[in-house]
Structure formats: C-alpha cells, structure tokens
Amino acid sequence: MISILGLIVIVLIGYLIYALIYSEKF
C-alpha cells in the first residue's frame, strides 16, 4: 500500500522534473 505522503512526494518530484524540462525547451 502506497502512503499518501509517498504519493505526494512522487507528484512533487514529477512536477519539478516537468517544470525543468518545460523551462529548458522554452
């Protein structure tokens, strides 16, 4: 079972990576 905190951490990391890639493209 995945904990809520673990899920939030995964979402935040994924969002940061997406933001870095998007900013580099732009």
Protein backbone atom coordinates (compact mmCIF):
# COMPACT_ATOMS: atom_id res chain seq x y z
CA MET A 1 0.00 0.00 0.00
CA ILE A 2 1.40 3.38 -1.02
CA SER A 3 1.23 6.05 1.67
CA ILE A 4 -0.30 9.45 0.92
CA LEU A 5 2.94 11.24 1.79
CA GLY A 6 4.87 8.98 -0.59
CA LEU A 7 2.38 9.72 -3.35
CA ILE A 8 2.67 13.47 -2.73
CA VAL A 9 6.48 13.26 -2.89
CA ILE A 10 6.31 11.39 -6.21
CA VAL A 11 3.92 14.01 -7.64
CA LEU A 12 6.12 16.90 -6.48
CA ILE A 13 9.27 15.31 -7.95
CA GLY A 14 7.49 14.62 -11.24
CA TYR A 15 6.19 18.20 -11.34
CA LEU A 16 9.68 19.62 -10.70
CA ILE A 17 11.19 17.48 -13.47
CA TYR A 18 8.39 18.53 -15.85
CA ALA A 19 8.93 22.20 -14.96
CA LEU A 20 12.69 21.92 -15.59
CA ILE A 21 12.19 20.26 -18.99
CA TYR A 22 9.47 22.75 -19.97
CA SER A 23 11.61 25.75 -18.93
CA GLU A 24 14.62 24.40 -20.87
CA LYS A 25 12.51 23.96 -24.02
CA PHE A 26 11.20 27.47 -23.66
